Amino acid sequence: MHRNDYGMLPIHILASMCDDVYVCGMVFKVCMGCLYERDRQGRTPLHLAVLRVARRGEEVREE
């Protein structure tokens, strides 16, 4: 699979854009083979999704 300049696969990019835990779950069910692929910073798609959902939760609490 093709990686971008940051070493990210498409699954990394999708996971980093997910705001919803259910969407993240669907992405992972579709792409189970890519779960352990790491970007240049050593993050897996799961790391990115968890960070994104956590950030989204903080934004909602601040509102």
PDB file of N, CA and C in Angstrom:
ATOM      1  N   MET A   1       0.839  -1.186   0.000  1.00  0.00           N
ATOM      2  CA  MET A   1       0.000   0.000   0.000  1.00  0.00           C
ATOM      3  C   MET A   1       0.878   1.241   0.000  1.00  0.00           C
ATOM      4  N   HIS A   2       0.339   2.294  -0.516  1.00  0.00           N
ATOM      5  CA  HIS A   2       1.085   3.542  -0.624  1.00  0.00           C
ATOM      6  C   HIS A   2       1.001   4.359   0.665  1.00  0.00           C
ATOM      7  N   ARG A   3       2.129   4.864   1.099  1.00  0.00           N
ATOM      8  CA  ARG A   3       2.184   5.727   2.281  1.00  0.00           C
ATOM      9  C   ARG A   3       2.414   7.168   1.848  1.00  0.00           C
ATOM     10  N   ASN A   4       1.900   8.118   2.634  1.00  0.00           N
ATOM     11  CA  ASN A   4       2.152   9.524   2.333  1.00  0.00           C
ATOM     12  C   ASN A   4       3.504   9.948   2.910  1.00  0.00           C
ATOM     13  N   ASP A   5       3.818  11.234   2.865  1.00  0.00           N
ATOM     14  CA  ASP A   5       5.117  11.743   3.330  1.00  0.00           C
ATOM     15  C   ASP A   5       5.346  11.520   4.820  1.00  0.00           C
ATOM     16  N   TYR A   6       4.289  11.284   5.575  1.00  0.00           N
ATOM     17  CA  TYR A   6       4.401  11.072   7.021  1.00  0.00           C
ATOM     18  C   TYR A   6       4.424   9.587   7.377  1.00  0.00           C
ATOM     19  N   GLY A   7       4.469   8.731   6.367  1.00  0.00           N
ATOM     20  CA  GLY A   7       4.485   7.288   6.605  1.00  0.00           C
ATOM     21  C   GLY A   7       3.118   6.723   6.918  1.00  0.00           C
ATOM     22  N   MET A   8       2.071   7.481   6.611  1.00  0.00           N
ATOM     23  CA  MET A   8       0.718   7.058   6.943  1.00  0.00           C
ATOM     24  C   MET A   8       0.056   6.346   5.766  1.00  0.00           C
ATOM     25  N   LEU A   9      -0.609   5.239   6.081  1.00  0.00           N
ATOM     26  CA  LEU A   9      -1.437   4.535   5.111  1.00  0.00           C
ATOM     27  C   LEU A   9      -2.819   5.185   5.094  1.00  0.00           C
ATOM     28  N   PRO A  10      -3.650   4.870   4.094  1.00  0.00           N
ATOM     29  CA  PRO A  10      -5.014   5.412   4.098  1.00  0.00           C
ATOM     30  C   PRO A  10      -5.774   5.143   5.401  1.00  0.00           C
ATOM     31  N   ILE A  11      -5.546   3.976   6.025  1.00  0.00           N
ATOM     32  CA  ILE A  11      -6.242   3.674   7.287  1.00  0.00           C
ATOM     33  C   ILE A  11      -5.837   4.652   8.385  1.00  0.00           C
ATOM     34  N   HIS A  12      -4.571   5.061   8.416  1.00  0.00           N
ATOM     35  CA  HIS A  12      -4.135   6.056   9.395  1.00  0.00           C
ATOM     36  C   HIS A  12      -4.892   7.374   9.176  1.00  0.00           C
ATOM     37  N   ILE A  13      -5.009   7.772   7.923  1.00  0.00           N
ATOM     38  CA  ILE A  13      -5.660   9.046   7.602  1.00  0.00           C
ATOM     39  C   ILE A  13      -7.140   8.992   7.967  1.00  0.00           C
ATOM     40  N   LEU A  14      -7.814   7.902   7.603  1.00  0.00           N
ATOM     41  CA  LEU A  14      -9.231   7.759   7.963  1.00  0.00           C
ATOM     42  C   LEU A  14      -9.423   7.788   9.471  1.00  0.00           C
ATOM     43  N   ALA A  15      -8.588   7.063  10.180  1.00  0.00           N
ATOM     44  CA  ALA A  15      -8.717   7.004  11.636  1.00  0.00           C
ATOM     45  C   ALA A  15      -8.469   8.356  12.266  1.00  0.00           C
ATOM     46  N   SER A  16      -7.548   9.132  11.712  1.00  0.00           N
ATOM     47  CA  SER A  16      -7.245  10.435  12.298  1.00  0.00           C
ATOM     48  C   SER A  16      -8.366  11.441  12.060  1.00  0.00           C
ATOM     49  N   MET A  17      -9.272  11.160  11.120  1.00  0.00           N
ATOM     50  CA  MET A  17     -10.364  12.084  10.823  1.00  0.00           C
ATOM     51  C   MET A  17     -11.665  11.696  11.501  1.00  0.00           C
ATOM     52  N   CYS A  18     -11.735  10.514  12.088  1.00  0.00           N
ATOM     53  CA  CYS A  18     -12.976  10.029  12.702  1.00  0.00           C
ATOM     54  C   CYS A  18     -13.271  10.777  13.994  1.00  0.00           C
ATOM     55  N   ASP A  19     -14.472  11.316  14.107  1.00  0.00           N
ATOM     56  CA  ASP A  19     -14.915  11.970  15.335  1.00  0.00           C
ATOM     57  C   ASP A  19     -15.770  11.041  16.179  1.00  0.00           C
ATOM     58  N   ASP A  20     -16.217   9.982  15.598  1.00  0.00           N
ATOM     59  CA  ASP A  20     -17.206   9.128  16.234  1.00  0.00           C
ATOM     60  C   ASP A  20     -16.618   7.749  16.501  1.00  0.00           C
ATOM     61  N   VAL A  21     -16.795   7.265  17.700  1.00  0.00           N
ATOM     62  CA  VAL A  21     -16.256   5.969  18.098  1.00  0.00           C
ATOM     63  C   VAL A  21     -16.841   4.853  17.231  1.00  0.00           C
ATOM     64  N   TYR A  22     -18.093   4.961  16.834  1.00  0.00           N
ATOM     65  CA  TYR A  22     -18.721   3.930  16.017  1.00  0.00           C
ATOM     66  C   TYR A  22     -18.133   3.910  14.612  1.00  0.00           C
ATOM     67  N   VAL A  23     -17.847   5.083  14.065  1.00  0.00           N
ATOM     68  CA  VAL A  23     -17.216   5.157  12.745  1.00  0.00           C
ATOM     69  C   VAL A  23     -15.831   4.534  12.806  1.00  0.00           C
ATOM     70  N   CYS A  24     -15.085   4.831  13.865  1.00  0.00           N
ATOM     71  CA  CYS A  24     -13.760   4.227  14.039  1.00  0.00           C
ATOM     72  C   CYS A  24     -13.878   2.710  14.064  1.00  0.00           C
ATOM     73  N   GLY A  25     -14.863   2.202  14.774  1.00  0.00           N
ATOM     74  CA  GLY A  25     -15.072   0.759  14.845  1.00  0.00           C
ATOM     75  C   GLY A  25     -15.341   0.152  13.481  1.00  0.00           C
ATOM     76  N   MET A  26     -16.157   0.837  12.678  1.00  0.00           N
ATOM     77  CA  MET A  26     -16.441   0.333  11.339  1.00  0.00           C
ATOM     78  C   MET A  26     -15.192   0.334  10.475  1.00  0.00           C
ATOM     79  N   VAL A  27     -14.396   1.398  10.569  1.00  0.00           N
ATOM     80  CA  VAL A  27     -13.152   1.475   9.800  1.00  0.00           C
ATOM     81  C   VAL A  27     -12.260   0.290  10.151  1.00  0.00           C
ATOM     82  N   PHE A  28     -12.137  -0.018  11.436  1.00  0.00           N
ATOM     83  CA  PHE A  28     -11.259  -1.105  11.850  1.00  0.00           C
ATOM     84  C   PHE A  28     -11.785  -2.468  11.430  1.00  0.00           C
ATOM     85  N   LYS A  29     -13.103  -2.651  11.445  1.00  0.00           N
ATOM     86  CA  LYS A  29     -13.650  -3.938  11.012  1.00  0.00           C
ATOM     87  C   LYS A  29     -13.362  -4.181   9.536  1.00  0.00           C
ATOM     88  N   VAL A  30     -13.386  -3.121   8.753  1.00  0.00           N
ATOM     89  CA  VAL A  30     -13.119  -3.236   7.319  1.00  0.00           C
ATOM     90  C   VAL A  30     -11.635  -3.469   7.055  1.00  0.00           C
ATOM     91  N   CYS A  31     -10.779  -2.868   7.851  1.00  0.00           N
ATOM     92  CA  CYS A  31      -9.339  -2.875   7.579  1.00  0.00           C
ATOM     93  C   CYS A  31      -8.535  -3.561   8.669  1.00  0.00           C
ATOM     94  N   MET A  32      -8.987  -4.688   9.156  1.00  0.00           N
ATOM     95  CA  MET A  32      -8.301  -5.365  10.257  1.00  0.00           C
ATOM     96  C   MET A  32      -6.835  -5.665   9.955  1.00  0.00           C
ATOM     97  N   GLY A  33      -6.506  -5.932   8.714  1.00  0.00           N
ATOM     98  CA  GLY A  33      -5.132  -6.263   8.369  1.00  0.00           C
ATOM     99  C   GLY A  33      -4.163  -5.106   8.549  1.00  0.00           C
ATOM    100  N   CYS A  34      -4.668  -3.897   8.627  1.00  0.00           N
ATOM    101  CA  CYS A  34      -3.805  -2.718   8.725  1.00  0.00           C
ATOM    102  C   CYS A  34      -3.672  -2.192  10.150  1.00  0.00           C
ATOM    103  N   LEU A  35      -4.287  -2.852  11.104  1.00  0.00           N
ATOM    104  CA  LEU A  35      -4.324  -2.318  12.465  1.00  0.00           C
ATOM    105  C   LEU A  35      -2.954  -2.122  13.087  1.00  0.00           C
ATOM    106  N   TYR A  36      -1.993  -2.932  12.689  1.00  0.00           N
ATOM    107  CA  TYR A  36      -0.687  -2.860  13.337  1.00  0.00           C
ATOM    108  C   TYR A  36       0.340  -2.098  12.511  1.00  0.00           C
ATOM    109  N   GLU A  37      -0.087  -1.521  11.388  1.00  0.00           N
ATOM    110  CA  GLU A  37       0.809  -0.699  10.577  1.00  0.00           C
ATOM    111  C   GLU A  37       1.098   0.591  11.321  1.00  0.00           C
ATOM    112  N   ARG A  38       2.350   0.962  11.389  1.00  0.00           N
ATOM    113  CA  ARG A  38       2.741   2.167  12.119  1.00  0.00           C
ATOM    114  C   ARG A  38       3.198   3.262  11.166  1.00  0.00           C
ATOM    115  N   ASP A  39       2.890   4.516  11.526  1.00  0.00           N
ATOM    116  CA  ASP A  39       3.410   5.638  10.755  1.00  0.00           C
ATOM    117  C   ASP A  39       4.821   5.950  11.242  1.00  0.00           C
ATOM    118  N   ARG A  40       5.416   7.019  10.750  1.00  0.00           N
ATOM    119  CA  ARG A  40       6.801   7.343  11.117  1.00  0.00           C
ATOM    120  C   ARG A  40       6.976   7.645  12.597  1.00  0.00           C
ATOM    121  N   GLN A  41       5.916   8.077  13.262  1.00  0.00           N
ATOM    122  CA  GLN A  41       5.997   8.374  14.693  1.00  0.00           C
ATOM    123  C   GLN A  41       5.668   7.149  15.541  1.00  0.00           C
ATOM    124  N   GLY A  42       5.460   6.015  14.892  1.00  0.00           N
ATOM    125  CA  GLY A  42       5.196   4.777  15.612  1.00  0.00           C
ATOM    126  C   GLY A  42       3.757   4.588  16.036  1.00  0.00           C
ATOM    127  N   ARG A  43       2.855   5.429  15.536  1.00  0.00           N
ATOM    128  CA  ARG A  43       1.449   5.319  15.928  1.00  0.00           C
ATOM    129  C   ARG A  43       0.701   4.383  14.988  1.00  0.00           C
ATOM    130  N   THR A  44      -0.152   3.572  15.559  1.00  0.00           N
ATOM    131  CA  THR A  44      -1.031   2.718  14.761  1.00  0.00           C
ATOM    132  C   THR A  44      -2.317   3.496  14.495  1.00  0.00           C
ATOM    133  N   PRO A  45      -3.170   3.020  13.574  1.00  0.00           N
ATOM    134  CA  PRO A  45      -4.453   3.680  13.369  1.00  0.00           C
ATOM    135  C   PRO A  45      -5.277   3.774  14.653  1.00  0.00           C
ATOM    136  N   LEU A  46      -5.155   2.778  15.515  1.00  0.00           N
ATOM    137  CA  LEU A  46      -5.899   2.812  16.772  1.00  0.00           C
ATOM    138  C   LEU A  46      -5.457   3.983  17.640  1.00  0.00           C
ATOM    139  N   HIS A  47      -4.146   4.237  17.708  1.00  0.00           N
ATOM    140  CA  HIS A  47      -3.659   5.398  18.459  1.00  0.00           C
ATOM    141  C   HIS A  47      -4.309   6.676  17.934  1.00  0.00           C
ATOM    142  N   LEU A  48      -4.319   6.842  16.615  1.00  0.00           N
ATOM    143  CA  LEU A  48      -4.855   8.064  16.015  1.00  0.00           C
ATOM    144  C   LEU A  48      -6.343   8.218  16.291  1.00  0.00           C
ATOM    145  N   ALA A  49      -7.083   7.121  16.188  1.00  0.00           N
ATOM    146  CA  ALA A  49      -8.523   7.185  16.429  1.00  0.00           C
ATOM    147  C   ALA A  49      -8.823   7.529  17.876  1.00  0.00           C
ATOM    148  N   VAL A  50      -8.110   6.913  18.795  1.00  0.00           N
ATOM    149  CA  VAL A  50      -8.336   7.182  20.218  1.00  0.00           C
ATOM    150  C   VAL A  50      -8.008   8.637  20.531  1.00  0.00           C
ATOM    151  N   LEU A  51      -6.910   9.139  19.989  1.00  0.00           N
ATOM    152  CA  LEU A  51      -6.549  10.542  20.217  1.00  0.00           C
ATOM    153  C   LEU A  51      -7.609  11.479  19.665  1.00  0.00           C
ATOM    154  N   ARG A  52      -8.115  11.177  18.480  1.00  0.00           N
ATOM    155  CA  ARG A  52      -9.118  12.032  17.838  1.00  0.00           C
ATOM    156  C   ARG A  52     -10.414  12.038  18.653  1.00  0.00           C
ATOM    157  N   VAL A  53     -10.875  10.874  19.060  1.00  0.00           N
ATOM    158  CA  VAL A  53     -12.116  10.786  19.837  1.00  0.00           C
ATOM    159  C   VAL A  53     -11.941  11.482  21.181  1.00  0.00           C
ATOM    160  N   ALA A  54     -10.769  11.332  21.795  1.00  0.00           N
ATOM    161  CA  ALA A  54     -10.506  11.997  23.079  1.00  0.00           C
ATOM    162  C   ALA A  54     -10.523  13.512  22.911  1.00  0.00           C
ATOM    163  N   ARG A  55      -9.893  14.008  21.844  1.00  0.00           N
ATOM    164  CA  ARG A  55      -9.898  15.458  21.593  1.00  0.00           C
ATOM    165  C   ARG A  55     -11.311  15.963  21.357  1.00  0.00           C
ATOM    166  N   ARG A  56     -12.097  15.193  20.611  1.00  0.00           N
ATOM    167  CA  ARG A  56     -13.483  15.579  20.323  1.00  0.00           C
ATOM    168  C   ARG A  56     -14.282  15.635  21.624  1.00  0.00           C
ATOM    169  N   GLY A  57     -14.055  14.696  22.521  1.00  0.00           N
ATOM    170  CA  GLY A  57     -14.740  14.700  23.813  1.00  0.00           C
ATOM    171  C   GLY A  57     -14.393  15.924  24.631  1.00  0.00           C
ATOM    172  N   GLU A  58     -13.144  16.363  24.583  1.00  0.00           N
ATOM    173  CA  GLU A  58     -12.732  17.568  25.308  1.00  0.00           C
ATOM    174  C   GLU A  58     -13.402  18.801  24.730  1.00  0.00           C
ATOM    175  N   GLU A  59     -13.524  18.867  23.395  1.00  0.00           N
ATOM    176  CA  GLU A  59     -14.176  20.009  22.756  1.00  0.00           C
ATOM    177  C   GLU A  59     -15.642  20.091  23.165  1.00  0.00           C
ATOM    178  N   VAL A  60     -16.310  18.956  23.220  1.00  0.00           N
ATOM    179  CA  VAL A  60     -17.728  18.924  23.588  1.00  0.00           C
ATOM    180  C   VAL A  60     -17.901  19.372  25.033  1.00  0.00           C
ATOM    181  N   ARG A  61     -17.019  18.932  25.925  1.00  0.00           N
ATOM    182  CA  ARG A  61     -17.120  19.323  27.334  1.00  0.00           C
ATOM    183  C   ARG A  61     -16.910  20.815  27.524  1.00  0.00           C
ATOM    184  N   GLU A  62     -16.033  21.412  26.714  1.00  0.00           N
ATOM    185  CA  GLU A  62     -15.762  22.845  26.839  1.00  0.00           C
ATOM    186  C   GLU A  62     -16.953  23.682  26.410  1.00  0.00           C
ATOM    187  N   GLU A  63     -17.749  23.163  25.459  1.00  0.00           N
ATOM    188  CA  GLU A  63     -18.920  23.902  24.973  1.00  0.00           C
ATOM    189  C   GLU A  63     -19.964  23.866  26.032  1.00  0.00           C
TER     190      GLU A  63
END
